[in-house]
């Protein structure tokens, strides 16, 4: 009993010593008010190749550095820019400052209402700093209270030859049921008897053999509760619940696991989290309309998608900015997980990873994960002014299998496209 009391007292002192301030909120959402990070010679327009990458090694994560060094891809440097977050989300962070507290166990959070739970700068002296960053990621903005992607093209490619093996045309939808700050209803979609925090719904339109395949993921407010996940294969016309382990299988034969969606699509409690320091690195943040876009797909509104280049055309052909990132290491709790760890580079302003590196069970580099982010004011006209940094492209490269899966997005920030009923098993059973 005495030891328990002492442990709780120490934990309480630690928590109070890391209390956030109004200044922390300002710095968290405006990390570049004093200027953007710089590196000698690293200026907009510079192209980094295997010939000069050593000069800029400090600006790379190890996975992307290895790719450039090996001649897989060249990186064009763009101008660093501000990616502001939605004002209601920032105000919710101010209003609820220091209300969120970590529980006794990983995956337990108390007192959280809305906004960024832990806006203070992470400290290496804080043994749970990584866990706090993970919560910031989970309750980050990403698509806002709701968003949709249509069309969303996935391509499976042979990285050695560039051969396109398969193209899948998806629709993805996202809805936050709780902790909403922008779209009515605020703060919660009701009724919500299961206390779902967030749901993801995906549907395949092409090719014919996968048409009407649907995926539904329901994540609960209680992070220690297992997600409900359902899959309906179009040709089977029945909905089945996915076993927990299937979220780490290759999704529809791609290089992606369901757990990889959005950078990390799992529970906080599924991983052990470690903060590994802060680093200024090159990440694919850019203005969509200023990139080299492909004419391959014909959209009625004239929208054009990001193109790909490099070895096997496995990497998005976009510009990279030098930005402040928190190095967050996730180690699976389950010893049978196919990876030993994932290192995510969380953008300090948006709390989303432009880059992640995945290691196999032997600890060797396995996959390079790149998520391109576009500023909303340089995208679809309807997204302008949303302050939501938009997923614009992705690349998951299996360096060992010499294979990759690439994605091209058309994101819509529009609440009308995401009715709550879409995120139900009943919808899956009734849709075709």
Protein backbone atom coordinates (compact mmCIF):
# COMPACT_ATOMS: atom_id res chain seq x y z
CA UNK A 1 0.00 0.00 0.00
CA UNK A 2 2.83 2.39 0.89
CA UNK A 3 4.65 1.62 -2.39
CA UNK A 4 1.46 2.25 -4.36
CA UNK A 5 0.96 5.60 -2.64
CA UNK A 6 4.55 6.64 -3.37
CA UNK A 7 4.23 5.56 -7.02
CA UNK A 8 1.03 7.57 -7.43
CA UNK A 9 2.61 10.59 -5.76
CA UNK A 10 5.62 10.44 -8.07
CA UNK A 11 3.35 10.08 -11.09
CA UNK A 12 1.35 13.08 -9.94
CA UNK A 13 4.47 15.19 -9.54
CA UNK A 14 5.67 14.13 -12.97
CA UNK A 15 2.33 15.03 -14.51
CA UNK A 16 2.30 18.46 -12.91
CA UNK A 17 5.86 19.18 -14.00
CA UNK A 18 4.82 18.60 -17.62
CA UNK A 19 1.69 20.78 -17.49
CA UNK A 20 1.08 22.69 -20.70
CA UNK A 21 0.78 26.48 -20.97
CA UNK A 22 -0.90 28.88 -23.39
CA UNK A 23 2.55 29.42 -24.87
CA UNK A 24 2.80 25.69 -25.52
CA UNK A 25 -0.44 25.81 -27.50
CA UNK A 26 0.86 28.71 -29.60
CA UNK A 27 4.14 26.92 -30.28
CA UNK A 28 2.42 23.62 -31.04
CA UNK A 29 0.21 25.04 -33.77
CA UNK A 30 2.67 27.71 -34.98
CA UNK A 31 6.06 26.00 -34.80
CA UNK A 32 7.47 28.19 -37.58
CA UNK A 33 6.54 31.64 -36.31
CA UNK A 34 10.25 32.25 -35.73
CA UNK A 35 11.16 30.95 -39.18
CA UNK A 36 11.46 27.62 -40.95
CA UNK A 37 14.34 25.20 -40.35
CA UNK A 38 17.31 25.49 -42.69
CA UNK A 39 20.28 23.44 -43.80
CA UNK A 40 23.24 24.83 -45.78
CA UNK A 41 22.66 24.36 -49.50
CA UNK A 42 19.13 23.03 -49.06
CA UNK A 43 17.07 25.59 -50.95
CA UNK A 44 13.89 25.41 -53.04
CA UNK A 45 14.58 23.92 -56.45
CA UNK A 46 17.54 21.80 -55.36
CA UNK A 47 17.31 18.19 -56.54
CA UNK A 48 18.86 15.62 -54.22
CA UNK A 49 20.28 12.56 -55.96
CA UNK A 50 22.58 9.70 -55.05
CA UNK A 51 25.45 11.97 -56.05
CA UNK A 52 24.79 14.67 -53.43
CA UNK A 53 22.60 13.00 -50.81
CA UNK A 54 25.46 12.66 -48.30
CA UNK A 55 25.62 16.46 -48.17
CA UNK A 56 22.04 16.56 -46.91
CA UNK A 57 21.98 13.38 -44.81
CA UNK A 58 20.91 15.32 -41.71
CA UNK A 59 17.62 16.17 -43.46
CA UNK A 60 16.60 12.56 -44.08
CA UNK A 61 15.04 9.73 -42.18
CA UNK A 62 17.09 6.52 -42.67
CA UNK A 63 14.57 4.87 -44.98
CA UNK A 64 14.31 7.71 -47.50
CA UNK A 65 18.06 8.30 -47.31
CA UNK A 66 18.71 4.69 -48.28
CA UNK A 67 16.32 4.98 -51.24
CA UNK A 68 18.02 8.10 -52.58
CA UNK A 69 21.49 6.71 -51.93
CA UNK A 70 20.61 3.55 -53.87
CA UNK A 71 19.28 5.58 -56.81
CA UNK A 72 15.65 4.58 -56.24
CA UNK A 73 14.38 8.16 -56.28
CA UNK A 74 15.44 11.79 -56.51
CA UNK A 75 13.98 14.40 -54.17
CA UNK A 76 13.11 17.92 -55.31
CA UNK A 77 13.11 20.50 -52.54
CA UNK A 78 10.13 22.84 -52.31
CA UNK A 79 9.56 26.00 -50.32
CA UNK A 80 8.62 25.39 -46.70
CA UNK A 81 5.16 26.67 -45.87
CA UNK A 82 2.65 26.97 -43.08
CA UNK A 83 -0.04 24.27 -42.74
CA UNK A 84 -2.42 25.86 -40.20
CA UNK A 85 -4.91 23.71 -38.37
CA UNK A 86 -8.65 24.52 -38.10
CA UNK A 87 -9.37 27.38 -35.69
CA UNK A 88 -12.15 25.52 -33.81
CA UNK A 89 -9.72 22.65 -33.14
CA UNK A 90 -7.09 25.07 -31.82
CA UNK A 91 -9.68 26.79 -29.63
CA UNK A 92 -10.80 23.43 -28.27
CA UNK A 93 -7.18 22.75 -27.35
CA UNK A 94 -7.00 26.04 -25.43
CA UNK A 95 -10.33 25.51 -23.71
CA UNK A 96 -9.44 22.00 -22.57
CA UNK A 97 -5.80 22.61 -21.73
CA UNK A 98 -4.42 20.08 -19.22
CA UNK A 99 -7.73 18.26 -18.83
CA UNK A 100 -6.45 15.12 -20.58
CA UNK A 101 -4.42 12.83 -18.32
CA UNK A 102 -2.76 9.52 -19.05
CA UNK A 103 -4.21 6.59 -17.15
CA UNK A 104 -2.21 4.03 -15.22
CA UNK A 105 -1.90 1.78 -18.27
CA UNK A 106 -0.98 2.39 -21.89
CA UNK A 107 -4.20 3.01 -23.81
CA UNK A 108 -5.98 4.71 -20.92
CA UNK A 109 -6.80 8.41 -21.19
CA UNK A 110 -8.88 10.38 -18.71
CA UNK A 111 -10.57 13.75 -18.98
CA UNK A 112 -10.10 14.29 -22.71
CA UNK A 113 -12.80 16.44 -24.35
CA UNK A 114 -11.53 17.80 -27.69
CA UNK A 115 -8.53 19.37 -29.41
CA UNK A 116 -4.89 18.31 -29.10
CA UNK A 117 -4.58 16.40 -25.81
CA UNK A 118 -0.92 17.19 -25.09
CA UNK A 119 0.24 20.36 -26.91
CA UNK A 120 3.39 20.76 -24.81
CA UNK A 121 6.78 20.07 -26.39
CA UNK A 122 7.74 16.43 -25.70
CA UNK A 123 10.61 15.93 -23.27
CA UNK A 124 13.04 13.04 -23.34
CA UNK A 125 12.95 13.12 -19.53
CA UNK A 126 9.24 12.20 -19.69
CA UNK A 127 9.01 8.39 -19.87
CA UNK A 128 5.52 8.61 -21.40
CA UNK A 129 6.23 11.34 -23.96
CA UNK A 130 5.82 8.84 -26.80
CA UNK A 131 2.42 7.81 -25.53
CA UNK A 132 1.31 11.44 -25.40
CA UNK A 133 2.40 11.94 -29.01
CA UNK A 134 0.43 8.85 -29.98
CA UNK A 135 -2.70 10.36 -28.43
CA UNK A 136 -2.03 13.63 -30.28
CA UNK A 137 -1.94 11.59 -33.48
CA UNK A 138 -5.12 9.67 -32.68
CA UNK A 139 -7.07 12.82 -31.86
CA UNK A 140 -5.47 14.88 -34.61
CA UNK A 141 -7.35 16.63 -37.40
CA UNK A 142 -6.46 14.59 -40.51
CA UNK A 143 -9.82 14.65 -42.40
CA UNK A 144 -11.44 16.80 -39.74
CA UNK A 145 -14.75 15.66 -38.28
CA UNK A 146 -15.45 13.85 -41.54
CA UNK A 147 -13.99 13.49 -45.00
CA UNK A 148 -14.14 11.32 -48.07
CA UNK A 149 -11.87 10.19 -50.89
CA UNK A 150 -13.33 9.51 -54.30
CA UNK A 151 -11.92 8.36 -56.51
CA UNK A 152 -8.98 6.75 -54.73
CA UNK A 153 -6.72 4.73 -57.03
CA UNK A 154 -4.43 2.03 -55.65
CA UNK A 155 -1.84 0.49 -57.90
CA UNK A 156 0.24 -2.61 -57.31
CA UNK A 157 3.61 -2.34 -59.01
CA UNK A 158 6.68 -4.46 -59.61
CA UNK A 159 9.39 -2.18 -58.24
CA UNK A 160 12.09 -3.79 -60.38
CA UNK A 161 10.31 -3.41 -63.72
CA UNK A 162 7.65 -0.77 -63.12
CA UNK A 163 4.96 -3.12 -64.37
CA UNK A 164 1.48 -2.19 -63.11
CA UNK A 165 -0.03 -5.45 -61.91
CA UNK A 166 -3.39 -4.18 -60.72
CA UNK A 167 -5.39 -0.96 -60.34
CA UNK A 168 -8.18 -0.70 -57.77
CA UNK A 169 -10.67 2.17 -57.69
CA UNK A 170 -11.91 2.86 -54.16
CA UNK A 171 -14.10 5.19 -52.20
CA UNK A 172 -13.03 5.84 -48.59
CA UNK A 173 -15.10 7.68 -45.97
CA UNK A 174 -14.15 8.81 -42.47
CA UNK A 175 -16.35 10.02 -39.61
CA UNK A 176 -15.55 11.12 -36.08
CA UNK A 177 -18.51 10.27 -33.87
CA UNK A 178 -17.01 11.98 -30.80
CA UNK A 179 -14.79 14.95 -29.90
CA UNK A 180 -16.04 16.95 -32.87
CA UNK A 181 -15.10 20.62 -33.16
CA UNK A 182 -16.14 21.85 -36.64
CA UNK A 183 -19.09 20.06 -38.24
CA UNK A 184 -22.53 19.78 -36.69
CA UNK A 185 -23.44 18.02 -34.53
CA UNK A 186 -20.89 19.16 -31.95
CA UNK A 187 -19.47 17.55 -29.85
CA UNK A 188 -20.90 14.12 -30.73
CA UNK A 189 -23.02 12.28 -33.26
CA UNK A 190 -26.02 10.78 -31.48
CA UNK A 191 -27.35 8.28 -30.86
CA UNK A 192 -24.03 6.54 -30.25
CA UNK A 193 -24.81 3.75 -27.74
CA UNK A 194 -21.62 1.81 -28.53
CA UNK A 195 -19.51 4.90 -27.79
CA UNK A 196 -17.68 4.76 -31.10
CA UNK A 197 -14.97 7.37 -31.51
CA UNK A 198 -14.35 6.98 -35.25
CA UNK A 199 -15.23 4.82 -38.21
CA UNK A 200 -13.77 4.13 -41.65
CA UNK A 201 -15.76 2.77 -44.56
CA UNK A 202 -14.26 1.69 -47.89
CA UNK A 203 -15.84 0.34 -51.06
CA UNK A 204 -14.31 -0.98 -54.29
CA UNK A 205 -15.73 0.05 -57.69
CA UNK A 206 -13.13 -1.52 -59.99
CA UNK A 207 -11.91 -4.06 -61.13
CA UNK A 208 -14.90 -6.29 -61.74
CA UNK A 209 -13.65 -9.25 -59.66
CA UNK A 210 -13.42 -7.02 -56.55
CA UNK A 211 -16.38 -4.76 -57.28
CA UNK A 212 -18.58 -4.06 -54.23
CA UNK A 213 -15.96 -5.32 -51.79
CA UNK A 214 -16.51 -3.29 -48.62
CA UNK A 215 -14.53 -2.71 -45.43
CA UNK A 216 -15.85 -1.19 -42.20
CA UNK A 217 -13.72 -0.35 -39.16
CA UNK A 218 -15.37 0.89 -35.97
CA UNK A 219 -13.03 2.25 -33.31
CA UNK A 220 -14.30 2.82 -29.80
CA UNK A 221 -13.75 5.62 -27.33
CA UNK A 222 -12.35 3.00 -24.94
CA UNK A 223 -8.97 2.33 -26.55
CA UNK A 224 -8.56 -0.93 -24.64
CA UNK A 225 -11.63 -2.32 -26.41
CA UNK A 226 -10.91 -4.20 -29.64
CA UNK A 227 -12.06 -2.54 -32.85
CA UNK A 228 -14.99 -4.02 -34.71
CA UNK A 229 -13.94 -4.68 -38.31
CA UNK A 230 -16.04 -6.18 -41.09
CA UNK A 231 -15.30 -7.23 -44.65
CA UNK A 232 -17.73 -8.00 -47.44
CA UNK A 233 -16.26 -9.47 -50.62
CA UNK A 234 -18.40 -8.45 -53.57
CA UNK A 235 -18.63 -11.90 -55.11
CA UNK A 236 -19.64 -13.51 -51.80
CA UNK A 237 -22.44 -11.04 -50.92
CA UNK A 238 -22.07 -11.61 -47.22
CA UNK A 239 -20.52 -9.62 -44.39
CA UNK A 240 -18.04 -11.29 -42.08
CA UNK A 241 -16.27 -10.01 -39.02
CA UNK A 242 -12.50 -9.76 -39.36
CA UNK A 243 -10.39 -11.53 -36.78
CA UNK A 244 -8.00 -9.21 -34.94
CA UNK A 245 -4.93 -10.68 -36.64
CA UNK A 246 -6.28 -9.98 -40.11
CA UNK A 247 -5.64 -6.26 -39.74
CA UNK A 248 -1.94 -7.08 -40.13
CA UNK A 249 -2.43 -9.21 -43.26
CA UNK A 250 -1.84 -7.82 -46.75
CA UNK A 251 -5.08 -5.97 -47.60
CA UNK A 252 -6.55 -7.24 -50.90
CA UNK A 253 -3.12 -8.45 -51.95
CA UNK A 254 -1.45 -5.05 -51.60
CA UNK A 255 1.69 -4.12 -49.66
CA UNK A 256 -0.58 -2.40 -47.12
CA UNK A 257 -1.95 -3.73 -43.88
CA UNK A 258 -5.25 -2.34 -42.62
CA UNK A 259 -3.19 -1.22 -39.63
CA UNK A 260 -1.13 0.99 -41.99
CA UNK A 261 -4.04 3.16 -43.13
CA UNK A 262 -3.38 6.88 -42.52
CA UNK A 263 0.10 6.07 -41.23
CA UNK A 264 -1.15 4.05 -38.26
CA UNK A 265 -4.66 2.68 -38.00
CA UNK A 266 -4.62 0.82 -34.72
CA UNK A 267 -5.20 1.31 -31.02
CA UNK A 268 -2.79 3.12 -28.74
CA UNK A 269 -2.83 0.02 -26.54
CA UNK A 270 -1.61 -2.19 -29.41
CA UNK A 271 1.84 -0.59 -29.28
CA UNK A 272 4.53 0.50 -26.88
CA UNK A 273 5.41 4.09 -27.69
CA UNK A 274 8.77 5.80 -27.39
CA UNK A 275 9.72 9.38 -28.21
CA UNK A 276 13.11 9.31 -29.94
CA UNK A 277 13.79 13.01 -30.25
CA UNK A 278 12.98 15.88 -32.60
CA UNK A 279 14.47 16.16 -36.08
CA UNK A 280 14.14 18.50 -39.06
CA UNK A 281 13.53 16.24 -42.06
CA UNK A 282 12.33 16.40 -45.64
CA UNK A 283 8.69 15.36 -45.97
CA UNK A 284 6.24 15.52 -48.90
CA UNK A 285 4.18 18.57 -47.91
CA UNK A 286 3.28 20.72 -50.92
CA UNK A 287 0.66 22.60 -52.93
CA UNK A 288 -1.17 20.06 -55.11
CA UNK A 289 -1.88 22.43 -58.00
CA UNK A 290 1.82 23.31 -58.30
CA UNK A 291 2.98 19.71 -58.80
CA UNK A 292 3.61 17.73 -61.97
CA UNK A 293 0.21 16.05 -62.34
CA UNK A 294 -0.85 13.17 -64.55
CA UNK A 295 -3.38 13.41 -67.38
CA UNK A 296 -4.13 9.69 -67.13
CA UNK A 297 -7.45 9.92 -65.30
CA UNK A 298 -10.23 12.13 -66.65
CA UNK A 299 -12.30 13.75 -63.93
CA UNK A 300 -15.41 15.78 -64.94
CA UNK A 301 -14.19 18.82 -62.98
CA UNK A 302 -10.71 18.69 -64.51
CA UNK A 303 -9.01 17.55 -61.29
CA UNK A 304 -5.66 15.89 -61.93
CA UNK A 305 -3.84 13.43 -59.69
CA UNK A 306 -0.27 13.37 -58.46
CA UNK A 307 2.05 11.32 -60.69
CA UNK A 308 4.74 8.84 -59.66
CA UNK A 309 8.41 8.46 -60.54
CA UNK A 310 11.61 6.78 -59.42
CA UNK A 311 12.40 3.08 -59.47
CA UNK A 312 9.33 1.18 -60.61
CA UNK A 313 7.40 4.49 -60.48
CA UNK A 314 6.96 3.72 -56.80
CA UNK A 315 7.32 7.22 -55.32
CA UNK A 316 5.07 10.30 -55.60
CA UNK A 317 6.55 12.92 -57.89
CA UNK A 318 6.13 15.86 -55.52
CA UNK A 319 8.27 18.43 -53.75
CA UNK A 320 9.50 17.95 -50.19
CA UNK A 321 9.76 20.53 -47.41
CA UNK A 322 12.19 20.66 -44.52
CA UNK A 323 9.91 20.49 -41.48
CA UNK A 324 10.10 19.83 -37.76
CA UNK A 325 9.14 16.26 -36.87
CA UNK A 326 8.85 14.20 -33.71
CA UNK A 327 10.40 10.75 -34.04
CA UNK A 328 7.87 8.29 -32.62
CA UNK A 329 8.72 4.60 -32.35
CA UNK A 330 5.89 2.07 -32.10
CA UNK A 331 6.74 -1.47 -30.94
CA UNK A 332 3.96 -4.09 -31.15
CA UNK A 333 2.69 -5.55 -27.90
CA UNK A 334 1.83 -8.77 -29.75
CA UNK A 335 5.04 -10.79 -30.26
CA UNK A 336 3.52 -12.42 -33.36
CA UNK A 337 3.12 -9.11 -35.18
CA UNK A 338 4.84 -9.18 -38.61
CA UNK A 339 6.93 -6.10 -37.83
CA UNK A 340 9.36 -5.44 -35.00
CA UNK A 341 8.74 -1.68 -35.01
CA UNK A 342 7.42 1.26 -36.99
CA UNK A 343 9.12 4.64 -36.74
CA UNK A 344 6.77 7.51 -37.62
CA UNK A 345 7.93 11.05 -38.19
CA UNK A 346 5.06 13.12 -36.83
CA UNK A 347 4.89 16.60 -38.31
CA UNK A 348 5.06 19.00 -35.38
CA UNK A 349 2.33 21.28 -36.75
CA UNK A 350 -0.22 18.74 -38.01
CA UNK A 351 0.73 15.67 -35.90
CA UNK A 352 0.54 13.43 -38.96
CA UNK A 353 3.39 11.44 -40.51
CA UNK A 354 4.66 12.30 -43.95
CA UNK A 355 7.15 9.50 -43.56
CA UNK A 356 7.28 6.18 -41.70
CA UNK A 357 9.82 3.36 -41.76
CA UNK A 358 8.79 -0.21 -40.97
CA UNK A 359 11.20 -2.91 -39.78
CA UNK A 360 10.71 -6.67 -40.05
CA UNK A 361 10.82 -9.10 -37.14
CA UNK A 362 14.59 -9.42 -37.52
CA UNK A 363 14.95 -5.66 -37.13
CA UNK A 364 15.87 -5.04 -40.76
CA UNK A 365 14.34 -2.25 -42.85
CA UNK A 366 11.28 -3.71 -44.53
CA UNK A 367 8.98 -0.99 -45.89
CA UNK A 368 9.20 2.69 -46.74
CA UNK A 369 5.91 4.50 -46.23
CA UNK A 370 5.35 7.96 -47.74
CA UNK A 371 2.18 10.05 -47.36
CA UNK A 372 2.01 13.23 -49.41
CA UNK A 373 0.11 16.16 -47.87
CA UNK A 374 -1.36 19.05 -49.86
CA UNK A 375 -2.29 22.46 -48.53
CA UNK A 376 -6.11 22.73 -48.87
CA UNK A 377 -5.98 26.19 -50.46
CA UNK A 378 -4.18 24.73 -53.49
CA UNK A 379 -6.46 21.77 -54.14
CA UNK A 380 -10.16 21.46 -54.97
CA UNK A 381 -11.94 24.84 -54.67
CA UNK A 382 -14.40 23.34 -52.15
CA UNK A 383 -11.53 22.46 -49.77
CA UNK A 384 -10.15 26.00 -49.70
CA UNK A 385 -10.19 27.59 -46.27
CA UNK A 386 -10.75 24.29 -44.44
CA UNK A 387 -7.25 24.38 -42.84
CA UNK A 388 -7.16 20.58 -43.21
CA UNK A 389 -3.90 19.26 -44.62
CA UNK A 390 -5.07 16.82 -47.26
CA UNK A 391 -3.76 13.35 -47.98
CA UNK A 392 -2.82 13.55 -51.64
CA UNK A 393 -0.76 10.45 -52.45
CA UNK A 394 0.85 7.50 -50.74
CA UNK A 395 3.54 4.97 -51.42
CA UNK A 396 4.25 1.76 -49.52
CA UNK A 397 7.46 0.20 -50.84
CA UNK A 398 8.46 -3.29 -49.76
CA UNK A 399 12.24 -2.98 -50.11
CA UNK A 400 12.78 -6.70 -49.61
CA UNK A 401 10.17 -8.01 -52.05
CA UNK A 402 10.91 -5.24 -54.60
CA UNK A 403 7.24 -4.38 -54.79
CA UNK A 404 5.11 -1.33 -54.06
CA UNK A 405 1.56 -0.11 -53.67
CA UNK A 406 0.82 3.49 -54.62
CA UNK A 407 -2.24 5.65 -54.01
CA UNK A 408 -3.69 8.75 -55.67
CA UNK A 409 -6.33 10.73 -53.76
CA UNK A 410 -9.15 13.09 -54.51
CA UNK A 411 -10.21 14.29 -51.06
CA UNK A 412 -13.51 16.05 -50.36
CA UNK A 413 -14.10 17.86 -47.05
CA UNK A 414 -17.89 17.77 -47.09
CA UNK A 415 -20.04 16.55 -44.20
CA UNK A 416 -22.92 15.65 -46.53
CA UNK A 417 -20.84 12.84 -48.04
CA UNK A 418 -20.49 11.07 -44.68
CA UNK A 419 -23.89 10.29 -43.14
CA UNK A 420 -23.58 8.18 -39.95
CA UNK A 421 -25.63 5.37 -41.49
CA UNK A 422 -22.86 4.77 -44.03
CA UNK A 423 -20.67 3.40 -41.22
CA UNK A 424 -22.91 0.50 -40.23
CA UNK A 425 -23.04 -3.21 -40.94
CA UNK A 426 -26.61 -2.71 -42.16
CA UNK A 427 -25.30 -0.42 -44.90
CA UNK A 428 -22.82 -3.09 -45.99
CA UNK A 429 -25.58 -5.66 -46.23
CA UNK A 430 -27.86 -3.42 -48.20
CA UNK A 431 -25.33 -1.88 -50.57
CA UNK A 432 -24.26 -3.17 -53.91
